[in-house]
PDB file of N, CA and C in Angstrom:
ATOM      1  N   UNK A   1      -6.929 -13.008  -2.292  1.00  0.00           N
ATOM      2  CA  UNK A   1      -6.123 -11.834  -2.561  1.00  0.00           C
ATOM      3  C   UNK A   1      -5.805 -11.691  -4.034  1.00  0.00           C
ATOM      4  N   UNK A   2      -6.477 -12.416  -4.858  1.00  0.00           N
ATOM      5  CA  UNK A   2      -6.215 -12.338  -6.287  1.00  0.00           C
ATOM      6  C   UNK A   2      -7.037 -11.256  -6.950  1.00  0.00           C
ATOM      7  N   UNK A   3      -6.963 -11.239  -8.252  1.00  0.00           N
ATOM      8  CA  UNK A   3      -7.635 -10.216  -9.043  1.00  0.00           C
ATOM      9  C   UNK A   3      -9.144 -10.253  -8.861  1.00  0.00           C
ATOM     10  N   UNK A   4      -9.699 -11.410  -8.584  1.00  0.00           N
ATOM     11  CA  UNK A   4     -11.146 -11.519  -8.412  1.00  0.00           C
ATOM     12  C   UNK A   4     -11.617 -10.904  -7.088  1.00  0.00           C
ATOM     13  N   UNK A   5     -10.689 -10.675  -6.157  1.00  0.00           N
ATOM     14  CA  UNK A   5     -11.052 -10.109  -4.850  1.00  0.00           C
ATOM     15  C   UNK A   5     -10.909  -8.589  -4.807  1.00  0.00           C
ATOM     16  N   UNK A   6     -10.605  -7.974  -5.926  1.00  0.00           N
ATOM     17  CA  UNK A   6     -10.443  -6.522  -5.970  1.00  0.00           C
ATOM     18  C   UNK A   6     -11.786  -5.852  -5.703  1.00  0.00           C
ATOM     19  N   UNK A   7     -11.744  -4.858  -4.831  1.00  0.00           N
ATOM     20  CA  UNK A   7     -12.925  -4.047  -4.550  1.00  0.00           C
ATOM     21  C   UNK A   7     -12.731  -2.715  -5.268  1.00  0.00           C
ATOM     22  N   UNK A   8     -13.377  -2.556  -6.400  1.00  0.00           N
ATOM     23  CA  UNK A   8     -13.207  -1.357  -7.220  1.00  0.00           C
ATOM     24  C   UNK A   8     -13.682  -0.092  -6.514  1.00  0.00           C
ATOM     25  N   UNK A   9     -14.498  -0.243  -5.482  1.00  0.00           N
ATOM     26  CA  UNK A   9     -14.994   0.922  -4.749  1.00  0.00           C
ATOM     27  C   UNK A   9     -14.114   1.280  -3.552  1.00  0.00           C
ATOM     28  N   UNK A  10     -13.119   0.475  -3.261  1.00  0.00           N
ATOM     29  CA  UNK A  10     -12.264   0.689  -2.096  1.00  0.00           C
ATOM     30  C   UNK A  10     -11.460   1.978  -2.256  1.00  0.00           C
ATOM     31  N   UNK A  11     -11.581   2.854  -1.292  1.00  0.00           N
ATOM     32  CA  UNK A  11     -10.906   4.154  -1.362  1.00  0.00           C
ATOM     33  C   UNK A  11      -9.390   4.019  -1.458  1.00  0.00           C
ATOM     34  N   UNK A  12      -8.825   2.984  -0.887  1.00  0.00           N
ATOM     35  CA  UNK A  12      -7.372   2.800  -0.940  1.00  0.00           C
ATOM     36  C   UNK A  12      -6.869   2.637  -2.371  1.00  0.00           C
ATOM     37  N   UNK A  13      -7.661   2.019  -3.237  1.00  0.00           N
ATOM     38  CA  UNK A  13      -7.251   1.883  -4.635  1.00  0.00           C
ATOM     39  C   UNK A  13      -7.094   3.255  -5.286  1.00  0.00           C
ATOM     40  N   UNK A  14      -8.035   4.144  -5.024  1.00  0.00           N
ATOM     41  CA  UNK A  14      -7.950   5.494  -5.584  1.00  0.00           C
ATOM     42  C   UNK A  14      -6.772   6.251  -4.968  1.00  0.00           C
ATOM     43  N   UNK A  15      -6.575   6.103  -3.664  1.00  0.00           N
ATOM     44  CA  UNK A  15      -5.452   6.756  -2.993  1.00  0.00           C
ATOM     45  C   UNK A  15      -4.135   6.358  -3.653  1.00  0.00           C
ATOM     46  N   UNK A  16      -3.908   5.071  -3.793  1.00  0.00           N
ATOM     47  CA  UNK A  16      -2.647   4.595  -4.379  1.00  0.00           C
ATOM     48  C   UNK A  16      -2.489   5.115  -5.799  1.00  0.00           C
ATOM     49  N   UNK A  17      -3.535   4.997  -6.599  1.00  0.00           N
ATOM     50  CA  UNK A  17      -3.473   5.444  -7.983  1.00  0.00           C
ATOM     51  C   UNK A  17      -3.098   6.923  -8.059  1.00  0.00           C
ATOM     52  N   UNK A  18      -3.764   7.747  -7.272  1.00  0.00           N
ATOM     53  CA  UNK A  18      -3.531   9.188  -7.346  1.00  0.00           C
ATOM     54  C   UNK A  18      -2.194   9.607  -6.735  1.00  0.00           C
ATOM     55  N   UNK A  19      -1.856   9.068  -5.584  1.00  0.00           N
ATOM     56  CA  UNK A  19      -0.636   9.487  -4.900  1.00  0.00           C
ATOM     57  C   UNK A  19       0.609   9.085  -5.676  1.00  0.00           C
ATOM     58  N   UNK A  20       0.581   7.948  -6.316  1.00  0.00           N
ATOM     59  CA  UNK A  20       1.791   7.525  -7.039  1.00  0.00           C
ATOM     60  C   UNK A  20       1.948   8.258  -8.369  1.00  0.00           C
ATOM     61  N   UNK A  21       0.910   8.955  -8.838  1.00  0.00           N
ATOM     62  CA  UNK A  21       0.978   9.647 -10.121  1.00  0.00           C
ATOM     63  C   UNK A  21       1.074  11.170 -10.002  1.00  0.00           C
ATOM     64  N   UNK A  22       0.937  11.696  -8.788  1.00  0.00           N
ATOM     65  CA  UNK A  22       0.909  13.135  -8.587  1.00  0.00           C
ATOM     66  C   UNK A  22       1.996  13.515  -7.573  1.00  0.00           C
ATOM     67  N   UNK A  23       3.004  14.236  -8.021  1.00  0.00           N
ATOM     68  CA  UNK A  23       4.146  14.569  -7.162  1.00  0.00           C
ATOM     69  C   UNK A  23       3.733  15.330  -5.911  1.00  0.00           C
ATOM     70  N   UNK A  24       2.805  16.258  -6.037  1.00  0.00           N
ATOM     71  CA  UNK A  24       2.356  17.031  -4.871  1.00  0.00           C
ATOM     72  C   UNK A  24       1.647  16.132  -3.862  1.00  0.00           C
ATOM     73  N   UNK A  25       0.805  15.224  -4.349  1.00  0.00           N
ATOM     74  CA  UNK A  25       0.113  14.305  -3.445  1.00  0.00           C
ATOM     75  C   UNK A  25       1.100  13.346  -2.792  1.00  0.00           C
ATOM     76  N   UNK A  26       2.119  12.943  -3.542  1.00  0.00           N
ATOM     77  CA  UNK A  26       3.135  12.049  -2.985  1.00  0.00           C
ATOM     78  C   UNK A  26       3.904  12.758  -1.865  1.00  0.00           C
ATOM     79  N   UNK A  27       4.283  13.990  -2.093  1.00  0.00           N
ATOM     80  CA  UNK A  27       4.995  14.742  -1.063  1.00  0.00           C
ATOM     81  C   UNK A  27       4.126  14.911   0.186  1.00  0.00           C
ATOM     82  N   UNK A  28       2.856  15.157  -0.019  1.00  0.00           N
ATOM     83  CA  UNK A  28       1.939  15.270   1.123  1.00  0.00           C
ATOM     84  C   UNK A  28       1.850  13.935   1.852  1.00  0.00           C
ATOM     85  N   UNK A  29       1.728  12.851   1.112  1.00  0.00           N
ATOM     86  CA  UNK A  29       1.676  11.515   1.711  1.00  0.00           C
ATOM     87  C   UNK A  29       2.911  11.281   2.579  1.00  0.00           C
ATOM     88  N   UNK A  30       4.077  11.625   2.053  1.00  0.00           N
ATOM     89  CA  UNK A  30       5.339  11.404   2.778  1.00  0.00           C
ATOM     90  C   UNK A  30       5.445  12.281   4.022  1.00  0.00           C
ATOM     91  N   UNK A  31       4.882  13.498   3.952  1.00  0.00           N
ATOM     92  CA  UNK A  31       5.020  14.419   5.064  1.00  0.00           C
ATOM     93  C   UNK A  31       3.845  14.465   6.020  1.00  0.00           C
ATOM     94  N   UNK A  32       2.686  14.027   5.563  1.00  0.00           N
ATOM     95  CA  UNK A  32       1.469  14.113   6.368  1.00  0.00           C
ATOM     96  C   UNK A  32       0.565  12.934   6.037  1.00  0.00           C
ATOM     97  N   UNK A  33       0.943  11.763   6.503  1.00  0.00           N
ATOM     98  CA  UNK A  33       0.173  10.550   6.208  1.00  0.00           C
ATOM     99  C   UNK A  33      -1.265  10.687   6.693  1.00  0.00           C
ATOM    100  N   UNK A  34      -1.446  11.133   7.927  1.00  0.00           N
ATOM    101  CA  UNK A  34      -2.798  11.235   8.472  1.00  0.00           C
ATOM    102  C   UNK A  34      -3.663  12.198   7.665  1.00  0.00           C
ATOM    103  N   UNK A  35      -3.101  13.322   7.261  1.00  0.00           N
ATOM    104  CA  UNK A  35      -3.843  14.279   6.448  1.00  0.00           C
ATOM    105  C   UNK A  35      -4.234  13.690   5.107  1.00  0.00           C
ATOM    106  N   UNK A  36      -3.317  12.959   4.514  1.00  0.00           N
ATOM    107  CA  UNK A  36      -3.598  12.320   3.229  1.00  0.00           C
ATOM    108  C   UNK A  36      -4.695  11.277   3.389  1.00  0.00           C
ATOM    109  N   UNK A  37      -4.578  10.444   4.398  1.00  0.00           N
ATOM    110  CA  UNK A  37      -5.583   9.403   4.618  1.00  0.00           C
ATOM    111  C   UNK A  37      -6.961  10.008   4.842  1.00  0.00           C
ATOM    112  N   UNK A  38      -7.007  11.121   5.549  1.00  0.00           N
ATOM    113  CA  UNK A  38      -8.284  11.774   5.849  1.00  0.00           C
ATOM    114  C   UNK A  38      -8.992  12.261   4.585  1.00  0.00           C
ATOM    115  N   UNK A  39      -8.249  12.576   3.552  1.00  0.00           N
ATOM    116  CA  UNK A  39      -8.832  13.087   2.308  1.00  0.00           C
ATOM    117  C   UNK A  39      -9.585  12.029   1.512  1.00  0.00           C
ATOM    118  N   UNK A  40      -9.361  10.762   1.794  1.00  0.00           N
ATOM    119  CA  UNK A  40      -9.893   9.706   0.943  1.00  0.00           C
ATOM    120  C   UNK A  40     -11.081   8.950   1.521  1.00  0.00           C
ATOM    121  N   UNK A  41     -11.534   9.280   2.703  1.00  0.00           N
ATOM    122  CA  UNK A  41     -12.707   8.616   3.254  1.00  0.00           C
ATOM    123  C   UNK A  41     -12.531   7.124   3.452  1.00  0.00           C
ATOM    124  N   UNK A  42     -11.396   6.735   3.965  1.00  0.00           N
ATOM    125  CA  UNK A  42     -11.088   5.321   4.181  1.00  0.00           C
ATOM    126  C   UNK A  42     -11.913   4.738   5.329  1.00  0.00           C
ATOM    127  N   UNK A  43     -12.161   3.441   5.252  1.00  0.00           N
ATOM    128  CA  UNK A  43     -12.808   2.748   6.356  1.00  0.00           C
ATOM    129  C   UNK A  43     -11.824   2.634   7.519  1.00  0.00           C
ATOM    130  N   UNK A  44     -12.330   2.280   8.685  1.00  0.00           N
ATOM    131  CA  UNK A  44     -11.451   2.092   9.844  1.00  0.00           C
ATOM    132  C   UNK A  44     -10.426   0.987   9.583  1.00  0.00           C
ATOM    133  N   UNK A  45     -10.847  -0.069   8.903  1.00  0.00           N
ATOM    134  CA  UNK A  45      -9.918  -1.168   8.584  1.00  0.00           C
ATOM    135  C   UNK A  45      -8.806  -0.683   7.658  1.00  0.00           C
ATOM    136  N   UNK A  46      -9.169   0.133   6.674  1.00  0.00           N
ATOM    137  CA  UNK A  46      -8.155   0.681   5.778  1.00  0.00           C
ATOM    138  C   UNK A  46      -7.194   1.598   6.533  1.00  0.00           C
ATOM    139  N   UNK A  47      -7.749   2.480   7.359  1.00  0.00           N
ATOM    140  CA  UNK A  47      -6.910   3.397   8.133  1.00  0.00           C
ATOM    141  C   UNK A  47      -5.899   2.633   8.971  1.00  0.00           C
ATOM    142  N   UNK A  48      -6.368   1.610   9.647  1.00  0.00           N
ATOM    143  CA  UNK A  48      -5.475   0.818  10.490  1.00  0.00           C
ATOM    144  C   UNK A  48      -4.387   0.150   9.645  1.00  0.00           C
ATOM    145  N   UNK A  49      -4.765  -0.400   8.514  1.00  0.00           N
ATOM    146  CA  UNK A  49      -3.787  -1.063   7.651  1.00  0.00           C
ATOM    147  C   UNK A  49      -2.729  -0.066   7.159  1.00  0.00           C
ATOM    148  N   UNK A  50      -3.151   1.123   6.753  1.00  0.00           N
ATOM    149  CA  UNK A  50      -2.185   2.131   6.301  1.00  0.00           C
ATOM    150  C   UNK A  50      -1.267   2.552   7.438  1.00  0.00           C
ATOM    151  N   UNK A  51      -1.834   2.786   8.610  1.00  0.00           N
ATOM    152  CA  UNK A  51      -1.024   3.220   9.749  1.00  0.00           C
ATOM    153  C   UNK A  51      -0.009   2.159  10.151  1.00  0.00           C
ATOM    154  N   UNK A  52      -0.387   0.902  10.004  1.00  0.00           N
ATOM    155  CA  UNK A  52       0.508  -0.202  10.358  1.00  0.00           C
ATOM    156  C   UNK A  52       1.366  -0.660   9.179  1.00  0.00           C
ATOM    157  N   UNK A  53       1.157  -0.012   8.040  1.00  0.00           N
ATOM    158  CA  UNK A  53       1.863  -0.393   6.803  1.00  0.00           C
ATOM    159  C   UNK A  53       1.654  -1.875   6.510  1.00  0.00           C
ATOM    160  N   UNK A  54       0.431  -2.297   6.646  1.00  0.00           N
ATOM    161  CA  UNK A  54       0.048  -3.702   6.540  1.00  0.00           C
ATOM    162  C   UNK A  54      -0.473  -4.000   5.132  1.00  0.00           C
ATOM    163  N   UNK A  55       0.436  -4.339   4.253  1.00  0.00           N
ATOM    164  CA  UNK A  55       0.098  -4.594   2.857  1.00  0.00           C
ATOM    165  C   UNK A  55      -0.804  -5.817   2.718  1.00  0.00           C
ATOM    166  N   UNK A  56      -0.557  -6.818   3.512  1.00  0.00           N
ATOM    167  CA  UNK A  56      -1.370  -8.047   3.442  1.00  0.00           C
ATOM    168  C   UNK A  56      -2.837  -7.731   3.747  1.00  0.00           C
ATOM    169  N   UNK A  57      -3.087  -6.926   4.759  1.00  0.00           N
ATOM    170  CA  UNK A  57      -4.473  -6.560   5.080  1.00  0.00           C
ATOM    171  C   UNK A  57      -5.083  -5.721   3.969  1.00  0.00           C
ATOM    172  N   UNK A  58      -4.309  -4.799   3.405  1.00  0.00           N
ATOM    173  CA  UNK A  58      -4.821  -4.022   2.270  1.00  0.00           C
ATOM    174  C   UNK A  58      -5.242  -4.965   1.138  1.00  0.00           C
ATOM    175  N   UNK A  59      -4.459  -5.994   0.910  1.00  0.00           N
ATOM    176  CA  UNK A  59      -4.808  -6.978  -0.118  1.00  0.00           C
ATOM    177  C   UNK A  59      -6.124  -7.672   0.238  1.00  0.00           C
ATOM    178  N   UNK A  60      -6.257  -8.072   1.481  1.00  0.00           N
ATOM    179  CA  UNK A  60      -7.470  -8.763   1.916  1.00  0.00           C
ATOM    180  C   UNK A  60      -8.700  -7.859   1.850  1.00  0.00           C
ATOM    181  N   UNK A  61      -8.479  -6.559   2.002  1.00  0.00           N
ATOM    182  CA  UNK A  61      -9.592  -5.611   1.927  1.00  0.00           C
ATOM    183  C   UNK A  61     -10.043  -5.345   0.492  1.00  0.00           C
ATOM    184  N   UNK A  62      -9.185  -5.676  -0.484  1.00  0.00           N
ATOM    185  CA  UNK A  62      -9.571  -5.520  -1.878  1.00  0.00           C
ATOM    186  C   UNK A  62      -8.716  -4.600  -2.706  1.00  0.00           C
ATOM    187  N   UNK A  63      -7.504  -4.249  -2.221  1.00  0.00           N
ATOM    188  CA  UNK A  63      -6.596  -3.459  -3.047  1.00  0.00           C
ATOM    189  C   UNK A  63      -6.164  -4.304  -4.244  1.00  0.00           C
ATOM    190  N   UNK A  64      -6.108  -3.678  -5.407  1.00  0.00           N
ATOM    191  CA  UNK A  64      -5.716  -4.371  -6.640  1.00  0.00           C
ATOM    192  C   UNK A  64      -4.302  -4.935  -6.481  1.00  0.00           C
ATOM    193  N   UNK A  65      -4.061  -6.175  -6.895  1.00  0.00           N
ATOM    194  CA  UNK A  65      -2.739  -6.781  -6.746  1.00  0.00           C
ATOM    195  C   UNK A  65      -1.610  -5.972  -7.381  1.00  0.00           C
ATOM    196  N   UNK A  66      -1.883  -5.275  -8.473  1.00  0.00           N
ATOM    197  CA  UNK A  66      -0.849  -4.432  -9.090  1.00  0.00           C
ATOM    198  C   UNK A  66      -0.424  -3.310  -8.148  1.00  0.00           C
ATOM    199  N   UNK A  67      -1.355  -2.824  -7.344  1.00  0.00           N
ATOM    200  CA  UNK A  67      -1.060  -1.699  -6.454  1.00  0.00           C
ATOM    201  C   UNK A  67      -0.301  -2.107  -5.198  1.00  0.00           C
ATOM    202  N   UNK A  68      -0.319  -3.369  -4.828  1.00  0.00           N
ATOM    203  CA  UNK A  68       0.309  -3.784  -3.568  1.00  0.00           C
ATOM    204  C   UNK A  68       1.800  -3.461  -3.514  1.00  0.00           C
ATOM    205  N   UNK A  69       2.597  -3.766  -4.546  1.00  0.00           N
ATOM    206  CA  UNK A  69       4.000  -3.349  -4.498  1.00  0.00           C
ATOM    207  C   UNK A  69       4.147  -1.826  -4.515  1.00  0.00           C
ATOM    208  N   UNK A  70       3.167  -1.137  -5.090  1.00  0.00           N
ATOM    209  CA  UNK A  70       3.218   0.323  -5.114  1.00  0.00           C
ATOM    210  C   UNK A  70       3.142   0.896  -3.703  1.00  0.00           C
ATOM    211  N   UNK A  71       2.424   0.212  -2.819  1.00  0.00           N
ATOM    212  CA  UNK A  71       2.328   0.661  -1.429  1.00  0.00           C
ATOM    213  C   UNK A  71       3.718   0.698  -0.807  1.00  0.00           C
ATOM    214  N   UNK A  72       4.493  -0.354  -1.027  1.00  0.00           N
ATOM    215  CA  UNK A  72       5.840  -0.378  -0.452  1.00  0.00           C
ATOM    216  C   UNK A  72       6.699   0.738  -1.044  1.00  0.00           C
ATOM    217  N   UNK A  73       6.493   1.061  -2.312  1.00  0.00           N
ATOM    218  CA  UNK A  73       7.250   2.148  -2.932  1.00  0.00           C
ATOM    219  C   UNK A  73       6.823   3.508  -2.386  1.00  0.00           C
ATOM    220  N   UNK A  74       5.559   3.654  -2.045  1.00  0.00           N
ATOM    221  CA  UNK A  74       5.110   4.911  -1.446  1.00  0.00           C
ATOM    222  C   UNK A  74       5.820   5.148  -0.111  1.00  0.00           C
ATOM    223  N   UNK A  75       5.990   4.094   0.655  1.00  0.00           N
ATOM    224  CA  UNK A  75       6.648   4.226   1.961  1.00  0.00           C
ATOM    225  C   UNK A  75       8.164   4.228   1.866  1.00  0.00           C
ATOM    226  N   UNK A  76       8.719   3.433   0.981  1.00  0.00           N
ATOM    227  CA  UNK A  76      10.169   3.235   0.948  1.00  0.00           C
ATOM    228  C   UNK A  76      10.869   3.877  -0.246  1.00  0.00           C
ATOM    229  N   UNK A  77      10.113   4.438  -1.169  1.00  0.00           N
ATOM    230  CA  UNK A  77      10.715   5.047  -2.349  1.00  0.00           C
ATOM    231  C   UNK A  77      10.874   4.036  -3.467  1.00  0.00           C
ATOM    232  N   UNK A  78      11.097   4.542  -4.664  1.00  0.00           N
ATOM    233  CA  UNK A  78      11.191   3.667  -5.835  1.00  0.00           C
ATOM    234  C   UNK A  78      12.566   3.720  -6.482  1.00  0.00           C
ATOM    235  N   UNK A  79      13.502   4.370  -5.837  1.00  0.00           N
ATOM    236  CA  UNK A  79      14.851   4.466  -6.412  1.00  0.00           C
ATOM    237  C   UNK A  79      15.494   3.090  -6.488  1.00  0.00           C
ATOM    238  N   UNK A  80      16.235   2.879  -7.556  1.00  0.00           N
ATOM    239  CA  UNK A  80      16.947   1.611  -7.771  1.00  0.00           C
ATOM    240  C   UNK A  80      16.029   0.429  -7.477  1.00  0.00           C
ATOM    241  N   UNK A  81      14.972   0.384  -8.217  1.00  0.00           N
ATOM    242  CA  UNK A  81      13.929  -0.615  -8.029  1.00  0.00           C
ATOM    243  C   UNK A  81      14.420  -1.988  -8.490  1.00  0.00           C
ATOM    244  N   UNK A  82      14.862  -2.794  -7.557  1.00  0.00           N
ATOM    245  CA  UNK A  82      15.330  -4.153  -7.834  1.00  0.00           C
ATOM    246  C   UNK A  82      15.028  -5.022  -6.620  1.00  0.00           C
ATOM    247  N   UNK A  83      15.322  -6.287  -6.685  1.00  0.00           N
ATOM    248  CA  UNK A  83      14.954  -7.218  -5.623  1.00  0.00           C
ATOM    249  C   UNK A  83      15.561  -6.894  -4.266  1.00  0.00           C
ATOM    250  N   UNK A  84      16.683  -6.197  -4.260  1.00  0.00           N
ATOM    251  CA  UNK A  84      17.317  -5.849  -2.991  1.00  0.00           C
ATOM    252  C   UNK A  84      17.004  -4.430  -2.537  1.00  0.00           C
ATOM    253  N   UNK A  85      16.151  -3.738  -3.269  1.00  0.00           N
ATOM    254  CA  UNK A  85      15.795  -2.369  -2.882  1.00  0.00           C
ATOM    255  C   UNK A  85      15.014  -2.388  -1.573  1.00  0.00           C
ATOM    256  N   UNK A  86      14.993  -1.259  -0.890  1.00  0.00           N
ATOM    257  CA  UNK A  86      14.256  -1.160   0.362  1.00  0.00           C
ATOM    258  C   UNK A  86      12.774  -1.458   0.129  1.00  0.00           C
ATOM    259  N   UNK A  87      12.224  -0.956  -0.968  1.00  0.00           N
ATOM    260  CA  UNK A  87      10.807  -1.176  -1.254  1.00  0.00           C
ATOM    261  C   UNK A  87      10.518  -2.656  -1.489  1.00  0.00           C
ATOM    262  N   UNK A  88      11.379  -3.331  -2.250  1.00  0.00           N
ATOM    263  CA  UNK A  88      11.168  -4.756  -2.521  1.00  0.00           C
ATOM    264  C   UNK A  88      11.308  -5.587  -1.251  1.00  0.00           C
ATOM    265  N   UNK A  89      12.273  -5.247  -0.425  1.00  0.00           N
ATOM    266  CA  UNK A  89      12.464  -5.969   0.831  1.00  0.00           C
ATOM    267  C   UNK A  89      11.285  -5.737   1.779  1.00  0.00           C
ATOM    268  N   UNK A  90      10.785  -4.518   1.825  1.00  0.00           N
ATOM    269  CA  UNK A  90       9.623  -4.183   2.636  1.00  0.00           C
ATOM    270  C   UNK A  90       8.411  -4.990   2.174  1.00  0.00           C
ATOM    271  N   UNK A  91       8.198  -5.020   0.865  1.00  0.00           N
ATOM    272  CA  UNK A  91       7.071  -5.765   0.299  1.00  0.00           C
ATOM    273  C   UNK A  91       7.184  -7.252   0.643  1.00  0.00           C
ATOM    274  N   UNK A  92       8.344  -7.820   0.437  1.00  0.00           N
ATOM    275  CA  UNK A  92       8.543  -9.245   0.716  1.00  0.00           C
ATOM    276  C   UNK A  92       8.325  -9.542   2.190  1.00  0.00           C
ATOM    277  N   UNK A  93       8.857  -8.694   3.031  1.00  0.00           N
ATOM    278  CA  UNK A  93       8.705  -8.890   4.475  1.00  0.00           C
ATOM    279  C   UNK A  93       7.230  -8.869   4.872  1.00  0.00           C
ATOM    280  N   UNK A  94       6.493  -7.901   4.354  1.00  0.00           N
ATOM    281  CA  UNK A  94       5.089  -7.749   4.739  1.00  0.00           C
ATOM    282  C   UNK A  94       4.196  -8.819   4.114  1.00  0.00           C
ATOM    283  N   UNK A  95       4.474  -9.217   2.902  1.00  0.00           N
ATOM    284  CA  UNK A  95       3.609 -10.168   2.210  1.00  0.00           C
ATOM    285  C   UNK A  95       3.979 -11.620   2.486  1.00  0.00           C
ATOM    286  N   UNK A  96       5.239 -11.877   2.733  1.00  0.00           N
ATOM    287  CA  UNK A  96       5.672 -13.267   2.875  1.00  0.00           C
ATOM    288  C   UNK A  96       5.843 -13.714   4.320  1.00  0.00           C
ATOM    289  N   UNK A  97       5.829 -12.795   5.261  1.00  0.00           N
ATOM    290  CA  UNK A  97       6.052 -13.160   6.652  1.00  0.00           C
ATOM    291  C   UNK A  97       5.055 -14.200   7.136  1.00  0.00           C
ATOM    292  N   UNK A  98       3.798 -14.023   6.811  1.00  0.00           N
ATOM    293  CA  UNK A  98       2.770 -14.969   7.245  1.00  0.00           C
ATOM    294  C   UNK A  98       2.967 -16.326   6.571  1.00  0.00           C
ATOM    295  N   UNK A  99       3.356 -16.315   5.310  1.00  0.00           N
ATOM    296  CA  UNK A  99       3.583 -17.580   4.595  1.00  0.00           C
ATOM    297  C   UNK A  99       4.717 -18.368   5.242  1.00  0.00           C
ATOM    298  N   UNK A 100       5.796 -17.681   5.640  1.00  0.00           N
ATOM    299  CA  UNK A 100       6.936 -18.362   6.257  1.00  0.00           C
ATOM    300  C   UNK A 100       6.544 -18.930   7.609  1.00  0.00           C
ATOM    301  N   UNK A 101       5.713 -18.229   8.361  1.00  0.00           N
ATOM    302  CA  UNK A 101       5.319 -18.718   9.682  1.00  0.00           C
ATOM    303  C   UNK A 101       4.422 -19.952   9.587  1.00  0.00           C
ATOM    304  N   UNK A 102       3.726 -20.104   8.467  1.00  0.00           N
ATOM    305  CA  UNK A 102       2.881 -21.289   8.271  1.00  0.00           C
ATOM    306  C   UNK A 102       3.712 -22.516   7.928  1.00  0.00           C
ATOM    307  N   UNK A 103       4.820 -22.294   7.204  1.00  0.00           N
ATOM    308  CA  UNK A 103       5.623 -23.377   6.657  1.00  0.00           C
ATOM    309  C   UNK A 103       6.460 -24.024   7.644  1.00  0.00           C
TER     310      UNK A 103
END
């Protein structure tokens, strides 16, 4: 899941990059997730990961590590971005849950 595992051709990378930088695309993402996903030609694995809000799987599929916290912000918002924010808690829950179950 590190930088060497990034898939530069993965449609999810383009989705995250564009949606987080374009207010109209972000509003569409928030109001019509399925419509937004359909615009990007995602694989079935990507579609499932987005629908399940599965950040860990997106990482395994090749989403850039910088974009992974951005996914949580797309779903939970970026207001008051700190360790206790909804986005940060969502990210930690999704990324660390498997690690805690192993330990």
